[in-house]
Amino acid sequence: MARGHSFEKRVKADGGTALVRLLHERLGDGSPGPEPESVDAPDLCAAGPEGRTARTALALRDATAAGRWTLLDHPMLALDVAGTPAYLEPDAVVVHPDGGWTVVEIKSFPIVDGTADAAKAGAAARQAAVYTLALEQVAGRLQEPSPRVHARVLLVCPKDFSNLPAAELVDVRKQLATTRRQLARLSLVEDIVAGLPPETTFDLCPSGDGSTVTRPAGELLAALDAVEAAYAPECLAACELAFHCRARSREAGAVEALGRGLRGELGGLTTVGAALAAARGEAGEADDPAVAALRRAAALRAEALAAASAGAEAAV
């Protein structure tokens, strides 16, 4: 983290002119580049995340209207997630003279011989896509002039093993589409609460008298069981209720317990039992790609087991 902070300060040391010049060079659109000390850097200080978000929106509007290169250093953006604002802080946002907006992501992992670590670069692209989506929501609330949020973000990393910056434009359209689908599938908290029994509570001391007496474990488990479990293996690293939801998912035979990637590949097959039945040819439509892939895998497995069995008999 110390190396990352040091590198970010170096990249922005001259007020952002070098960073904006890197972006201009990668764009290669023939537009005039930034002159020395010609990049605006508005003050984004405000009280609380709501105040900083409003100040960022005003700075974006003013910079777009001014038609000058502008660097917003650590702006605050708000992304609507299931009806609740999630506050995000990208490393930087650049406003182009033509009114375009570009997200800048600065990372400390190196670009060696023009290539970065694929896993780290992919994670940076997904992160920048979320910032870009939040920036699109800000742009949607502005009327005139109409800004354009670029779907290519600028990834800035150390070059080789030095502390000199190297930059590449990364297309995040695929990550944007994925994030939009994920956000669209989320359930609103109000909708979840509306489907629960009126007396449901997760308070350990529902009496509210400040006593240290906690609820019986059975009552708390009954309250948890009233909410549908949405488990994935990634939950183990971030949620204290992951083991509870994993047990619920396993009892229901949900394929999510095996990973979100597998859930996406199986399409309409939502349980392990349904997937096994489709592989055996007992269920599912033959023209379904997921069903066809499962049956092909089952056939290959049967052939491999038969060959292994024949080999074992020959050896005896």
Protein backbone atom coordinates (compact mmCIF):
# COMPACT_ATOMS: atom_id res chain seq x y z
CA MET A 1 0.00 0.00 0.00
CA ALA A 2 2.88 2.38 0.77
CA ARG A 3 4.34 1.75 -2.68
CA GLY A 4 0.95 2.38 -4.28
CA HIS A 5 0.45 5.69 -2.45
CA SER A 6 3.99 6.80 -3.30
CA PHE A 7 3.51 5.96 -6.98
CA GLU A 8 0.16 7.76 -7.14
CA LYS A 9 1.67 10.92 -5.63
CA ARG A 10 4.47 10.78 -8.20
CA VAL A 11 1.99 10.47 -11.07
CA LYS A 12 -0.04 13.48 -9.85
CA ALA A 13 2.91 15.54 -8.58
CA ASP A 14 2.67 18.31 -11.22
CA GLY A 15 -1.02 18.99 -10.75
CA GLY A 16 -2.05 16.22 -13.11
CA THR A 17 -0.50 17.59 -16.31
CA ALA A 18 1.68 14.50 -16.87
CA LEU A 19 -1.26 12.21 -16.17
CA VAL A 20 -3.50 14.06 -18.62
CA ARG A 21 -0.69 14.03 -21.18
CA LEU A 22 -0.48 10.24 -20.83
CA LEU A 23 -4.19 10.00 -21.55
CA HIS A 24 -3.93 12.33 -24.54
CA GLU A 25 -1.06 10.31 -26.01
CA ARG A 26 -2.99 7.05 -25.69
CA LEU A 27 -6.12 8.56 -27.28
CA GLY A 28 -4.20 9.64 -30.38
CA ASP A 29 -7.23 11.50 -31.74
CA GLY A 30 -5.33 14.52 -33.03
CA SER A 31 -6.81 16.91 -30.47
CA PRO A 32 -4.53 19.51 -28.84
CA GLY A 33 -2.76 18.20 -25.77
CA PRO A 34 -2.46 19.94 -22.43
CA GLU A 35 -0.01 22.80 -22.10
CA PRO A 36 2.16 23.14 -18.97
CA GLU A 37 0.08 24.26 -15.99
CA SER A 38 -3.06 24.30 -18.15
CA VAL A 39 -4.88 21.46 -16.41
CA ASP A 40 -7.56 22.57 -13.95
CA ALA A 41 -7.74 20.75 -10.60
CA PRO A 42 -10.83 21.90 -8.68
CA ASP A 43 -11.11 21.57 -4.93
CA LEU A 44 -13.48 18.73 -4.08
CA CYS A 45 -13.51 19.12 -0.29
CA ALA A 46 -16.92 18.98 1.40
CA ALA A 47 -18.52 17.63 4.55
CA GLY A 48 -19.41 13.94 4.49
CA PRO A 49 -19.85 11.61 1.53
CA GLU A 50 -23.11 13.26 0.44
CA GLY A 51 -21.43 16.68 0.37
CA ARG A 52 -18.41 15.37 -1.53
CA THR A 53 -20.69 13.64 -4.04
CA ALA A 54 -22.61 16.86 -4.68
CA ARG A 55 -19.35 18.84 -4.94
CA THR A 56 -17.99 16.33 -7.48
CA ALA A 57 -21.14 16.61 -9.60
CA LEU A 58 -20.83 20.42 -9.62
CA ALA A 59 -17.15 20.22 -10.56
CA LEU A 60 -17.92 17.82 -13.42
CA ARG A 61 -20.66 20.13 -14.72
CA ASP A 62 -18.46 23.23 -14.53
CA ALA A 63 -15.46 21.51 -16.12
CA THR A 64 -17.58 20.19 -18.98
CA ALA A 65 -19.00 23.65 -19.63
CA ALA A 66 -15.53 25.26 -19.48
CA GLY A 67 -14.17 23.01 -22.26
CA ARG A 68 -10.71 22.61 -20.69
CA TRP A 69 -8.61 19.68 -19.56
CA THR A 70 -9.59 19.08 -15.93
CA LEU A 71 -8.36 16.50 -13.42
CA LEU A 72 -10.62 15.54 -10.53
CA ASP A 73 -8.36 14.03 -7.88
CA HIS A 74 -10.18 11.41 -5.79
CA PRO A 75 -13.74 12.51 -6.58
CA MET A 76 -16.67 10.97 -4.75
CA LEU A 77 -19.34 9.17 -6.78
CA ALA A 78 -22.58 7.50 -5.71
CA LEU A 79 -23.84 4.32 -7.35
CA ASP A 80 -27.39 3.16 -6.78
CA VAL A 81 -27.25 -0.45 -5.54
CA ALA A 82 -30.69 -1.95 -4.96
CA GLY A 83 -32.09 1.43 -3.96
CA THR A 84 -29.23 2.32 -1.62
CA PRO A 85 -26.35 4.67 -2.56
CA ALA A 86 -22.87 3.14 -2.47
CA TYR A 87 -20.15 5.79 -2.28
CA LEU A 88 -17.12 5.22 -4.50
CA GLU A 89 -13.80 7.06 -4.76
CA PRO A 90 -11.85 6.51 -8.00
CA ASP A 91 -8.22 7.60 -8.18
CA ALA A 92 -9.05 10.30 -10.73
CA VAL A 93 -11.48 11.40 -13.43
CA VAL A 94 -10.31 13.45 -16.43
CA VAL A 95 -12.67 15.84 -18.23
CA HIS A 96 -11.73 16.37 -21.89
CA PRO A 97 -12.06 19.72 -23.70
CA ASP A 98 -14.76 18.14 -25.89
CA GLY A 99 -16.79 17.25 -22.80
CA GLY A 100 -15.83 13.57 -22.49
CA TRP A 101 -15.12 11.95 -19.14
CA THR A 102 -12.53 9.22 -18.52
CA VAL A 103 -11.90 7.20 -15.37
CA VAL A 104 -8.24 6.84 -14.34
CA GLU A 105 -7.14 3.87 -12.24
CA ILE A 106 -3.62 3.94 -10.75
CA LYS A 107 -2.14 0.64 -9.60
CA SER A 108 1.24 -0.34 -8.15
CA PHE A 109 1.69 -3.63 -10.05
CA PRO A 110 4.13 -3.20 -12.96
CA ILE A 111 3.69 -3.33 -16.71
CA VAL A 112 6.68 -5.41 -17.80
CA ASP A 113 7.57 -5.35 -21.51
CA GLY A 114 4.15 -3.91 -22.27
CA THR A 115 2.25 -6.64 -20.42
CA ALA A 116 0.66 -6.62 -16.96
CA ASP A 117 -0.43 -9.51 -14.77
CA ALA A 118 -3.68 -10.73 -16.32
CA ALA A 119 -5.49 -11.38 -13.03
CA LYS A 120 -4.55 -8.00 -11.54
CA ALA A 121 -5.35 -6.13 -14.74
CA GLY A 122 -8.72 -7.88 -14.93
CA ALA A 123 -9.54 -6.93 -11.34
CA ALA A 124 -8.56 -3.32 -12.08
CA ALA A 125 -10.83 -3.33 -15.15
CA ARG A 126 -13.80 -4.60 -13.13
CA GLN A 127 -13.16 -1.95 -10.47
CA ALA A 128 -12.89 0.81 -13.05
CA ALA A 129 -16.09 -0.39 -14.72
CA VAL A 130 -18.00 0.21 -11.48
CA TYR A 131 -16.60 3.74 -11.33
CA THR A 132 -17.57 4.29 -14.97
CA LEU A 133 -21.12 3.12 -14.28
CA ALA A 134 -21.39 5.54 -11.35
CA LEU A 135 -20.04 8.31 -13.59
CA GLU A 136 -22.74 7.50 -16.17
CA GLN A 137 -25.39 8.02 -13.51
CA VAL A 138 -23.93 11.47 -12.79
CA ALA A 139 -23.90 12.29 -16.51
CA GLY A 140 -27.52 11.18 -16.81
CA ARG A 141 -28.58 13.80 -14.27
CA LEU A 142 -26.88 16.65 -16.16
CA GLN A 143 -28.86 18.35 -18.91
CA GLU A 144 -26.55 20.78 -20.75
CA PRO A 145 -23.93 20.31 -21.94
CA SER A 146 -24.37 16.59 -22.43
CA PRO A 147 -21.17 14.76 -21.40
CA ARG A 148 -19.95 11.47 -22.83
CA VAL A 149 -18.50 8.89 -20.45
CA HIS A 150 -15.80 6.91 -22.23
CA ALA A 151 -15.98 3.12 -21.97
CA ARG A 152 -12.17 2.96 -22.14
CA VAL A 153 -10.42 3.71 -18.86
CA LEU A 154 -6.79 4.72 -18.37
CA LEU A 155 -4.80 2.17 -16.35
CA VAL A 156 -1.55 3.66 -15.02
CA CYS A 157 1.15 1.36 -13.60
CA PRO A 158 4.92 1.47 -13.02
CA LYS A 159 6.93 0.74 -16.15
CA ASP A 160 9.01 -2.45 -15.87
CA PHE A 161 10.79 -2.31 -12.48
CA SER A 162 11.11 1.47 -12.27
CA ASN A 163 8.86 4.06 -10.68
CA LEU A 164 8.10 5.73 -14.02
CA PRO A 165 4.44 5.66 -15.09
CA ALA A 166 3.22 3.63 -18.05
CA ALA A 167 -0.39 3.85 -19.21
CA GLU A 168 -2.77 1.81 -21.34
CA LEU A 169 -6.38 2.33 -22.36
CA VAL A 170 -8.54 -0.60 -21.25
CA ASP A 171 -11.91 -1.31 -22.84
CA VAL A 172 -14.40 -2.08 -20.04
CA ARG A 173 -17.59 -2.48 -22.11
CA LYS A 174 -17.84 -6.17 -21.21
CA GLN A 175 -17.37 -5.44 -17.50
CA LEU A 176 -19.96 -2.66 -17.73
CA ALA A 177 -22.54 -5.01 -19.24
CA THR A 178 -21.86 -7.62 -16.57
CA THR A 179 -22.18 -5.09 -13.75
CA ARG A 180 -25.44 -3.73 -15.16
CA ARG A 181 -26.92 -7.25 -15.28
CA GLN A 182 -25.81 -7.96 -11.73
CA LEU A 183 -27.31 -4.71 -10.42
CA ALA A 184 -30.56 -5.33 -12.29
CA ARG A 185 -30.95 -8.74 -10.60
CA LEU A 186 -30.57 -7.35 -7.08
CA SER A 187 -33.67 -7.24 -4.89
CA LEU A 188 -34.60 -4.02 -3.12
CA VAL A 189 -34.34 -4.14 0.66
CA GLU A 190 -37.92 -2.85 0.86
CA ASP A 191 -39.15 -5.77 -1.25
CA ILE A 192 -37.30 -8.29 0.93
CA VAL A 193 -38.70 -6.76 4.12
CA ALA A 194 -42.23 -6.72 2.68
CA GLY A 195 -42.13 -10.49 2.26
CA LEU A 196 -41.14 -11.21 5.87
CA PRO A 197 -43.52 -11.87 8.74
CA PRO A 198 -44.32 -8.61 10.60
CA GLU A 199 -42.73 -9.82 13.85
CA THR A 200 -39.38 -10.73 12.24
CA THR A 201 -36.39 -9.05 13.89
CA PHE A 202 -32.65 -9.68 13.93
CA ASP A 203 -32.05 -7.64 17.07
CA LEU A 204 -30.17 -9.58 19.74
CA CYS A 205 -31.97 -7.56 22.45
CA PRO A 206 -35.41 -6.76 21.01
CA SER A 207 -36.65 -5.39 24.33
CA GLY A 208 -34.65 -2.20 23.73
CA ASP A 209 -34.11 -1.63 27.45
CA GLY A 210 -30.32 -1.85 27.21
CA SER A 211 -30.16 -5.19 29.01
CA THR A 212 -27.49 -7.72 28.17
CA VAL A 213 -30.00 -10.56 27.90
CA THR A 214 -29.90 -11.90 24.37
CA ARG A 215 -32.53 -13.77 22.42
CA PRO A 216 -32.62 -17.56 22.41
CA ALA A 217 -30.64 -19.09 19.55
CA GLY A 218 -33.76 -20.81 18.20
CA GLU A 219 -35.60 -17.51 17.74
CA LEU A 220 -32.64 -15.94 15.95
CA LEU A 221 -32.29 -18.95 13.63
CA ALA A 222 -35.99 -18.78 12.83
CA ALA A 223 -35.57 -15.12 11.86
CA LEU A 224 -32.59 -15.97 9.65
CA ASP A 225 -34.51 -18.80 7.99
CA ALA A 226 -37.22 -16.31 7.00
CA VAL A 227 -34.74 -14.73 4.55
CA GLU A 228 -33.68 -16.69 1.48
CA ALA A 229 -30.00 -17.60 1.49
CA ALA A 230 -27.93 -16.20 -1.38
CA TYR A 231 -24.63 -18.05 -0.98
CA ALA A 232 -21.51 -18.19 -3.13
CA PRO A 233 -18.03 -19.45 -2.14
CA GLU A 234 -16.77 -15.84 -2.16
CA CYS A 235 -19.00 -15.16 0.86
CA LEU A 236 -16.65 -17.15 3.11
CA ALA A 237 -14.08 -14.36 2.98
CA ALA A 238 -16.45 -11.50 3.78
CA CYS A 239 -19.59 -12.57 5.65
CA GLU A 240 -20.07 -13.97 9.15
CA LEU A 241 -23.25 -15.74 8.04
CA ALA A 242 -21.53 -17.56 5.17
CA PHE A 243 -21.56 -20.97 6.91
CA HIS A 244 -25.25 -20.63 7.73
CA CYS A 245 -26.15 -19.73 4.13
CA ARG A 246 -23.86 -22.46 2.77
CA ALA A 247 -25.68 -25.09 4.80
CA ARG A 248 -29.02 -23.76 3.53
CA SER A 249 -27.82 -23.79 -0.08
CA ARG A 250 -26.47 -27.33 0.23
CA GLU A 251 -29.74 -28.53 1.70
CA ALA A 252 -31.59 -27.04 -1.27
CA GLY A 253 -29.02 -28.42 -3.73
CA ALA A 254 -28.44 -24.93 -5.16
CA VAL A 255 -25.69 -24.77 -7.79
CA GLU A 256 -24.61 -21.36 -6.43
CA ALA A 257 -22.83 -23.28 -3.67
CA LEU A 258 -20.37 -24.47 -6.34
CA GLY A 259 -19.61 -20.95 -7.63
CA ARG A 260 -21.26 -18.07 -9.46
CA GLY A 261 -19.41 -18.95 -12.66
CA LEU A 262 -20.98 -22.41 -12.74
CA ARG A 263 -24.39 -20.92 -11.99
CA GLY A 264 -24.09 -18.70 -15.03
CA GLU A 265 -23.03 -21.56 -17.30
CA LEU A 266 -25.89 -23.85 -16.25
CA GLY A 267 -28.61 -21.37 -17.26
CA GLY A 268 -32.02 -22.64 -16.18
CA LEU A 269 -30.61 -25.62 -14.25
CA THR A 270 -30.72 -24.17 -10.76
CA THR A 271 -30.12 -27.29 -8.65
CA VAL A 272 -27.46 -29.97 -8.58
CA GLY A 273 -30.16 -32.63 -8.99
CA ALA A 274 -31.49 -30.98 -12.14
CA ALA A 275 -27.98 -30.77 -13.58
CA LEU A 276 -27.30 -34.46 -12.88
CA ALA A 277 -30.66 -35.44 -14.36
CA ALA A 278 -29.89 -33.44 -17.50
CA ALA A 279 -26.47 -35.10 -17.78
CA ARG A 280 -28.12 -38.55 -17.60
CA GLY A 281 -30.66 -37.59 -20.26
CA GLU A 282 -33.56 -37.74 -17.82
CA ALA A 283 -34.50 -34.05 -18.05
CA GLY A 284 -33.83 -30.91 -20.04
CA GLU A 285 -34.13 -29.96 -23.68
CA ALA A 286 -31.52 -31.45 -26.02
CA ASP A 287 -31.07 -28.12 -27.84
CA ASP A 288 -30.22 -26.32 -24.59
CA PRO A 289 -26.44 -25.55 -24.72
CA ALA A 290 -26.00 -26.28 -21.02
CA VAL A 291 -27.82 -29.61 -21.29
CA ALA A 292 -25.86 -30.58 -24.40
CA ALA A 293 -22.56 -29.77 -22.67
CA LEU A 294 -23.52 -31.81 -19.60
CA ARG A 295 -24.51 -34.84 -21.69
CA ARG A 296 -21.29 -34.62 -23.68
CA ALA A 297 -19.28 -34.44 -20.43
CA ALA A 298 -21.17 -37.44 -19.02
CA ALA A 299 -20.46 -39.44 -22.20
CA LEU A 300 -16.75 -38.61 -22.06
CA ARG A 301 -16.63 -39.56 -18.39
CA ALA A 302 -18.31 -42.91 -19.11
CA GLU A 303 -15.82 -43.60 -21.93
CA ALA A 304 -12.88 -42.75 -19.68
CA LEU A 305 -14.13 -45.00 -16.89
CA ALA A 306 -14.74 -47.85 -19.32
CA ALA A 307 -11.23 -47.51 -20.76
CA ALA A 308 -9.71 -47.44 -17.29
CA SER A 309 -11.69 -50.53 -16.24
CA ALA A 310 -10.63 -52.42 -19.39
CA GLY A 311 -7.01 -51.49 -18.78
CA ALA A 312 -7.18 -52.69 -15.20
CA GLU A 313 -8.67 -56.07 -16.28
CA ALA A 314 -5.99 -56.50 -18.96
CA ALA A 315 -3.26 -55.85 -16.41
CA VAL A 316 -4.68 -58.55 -14.10
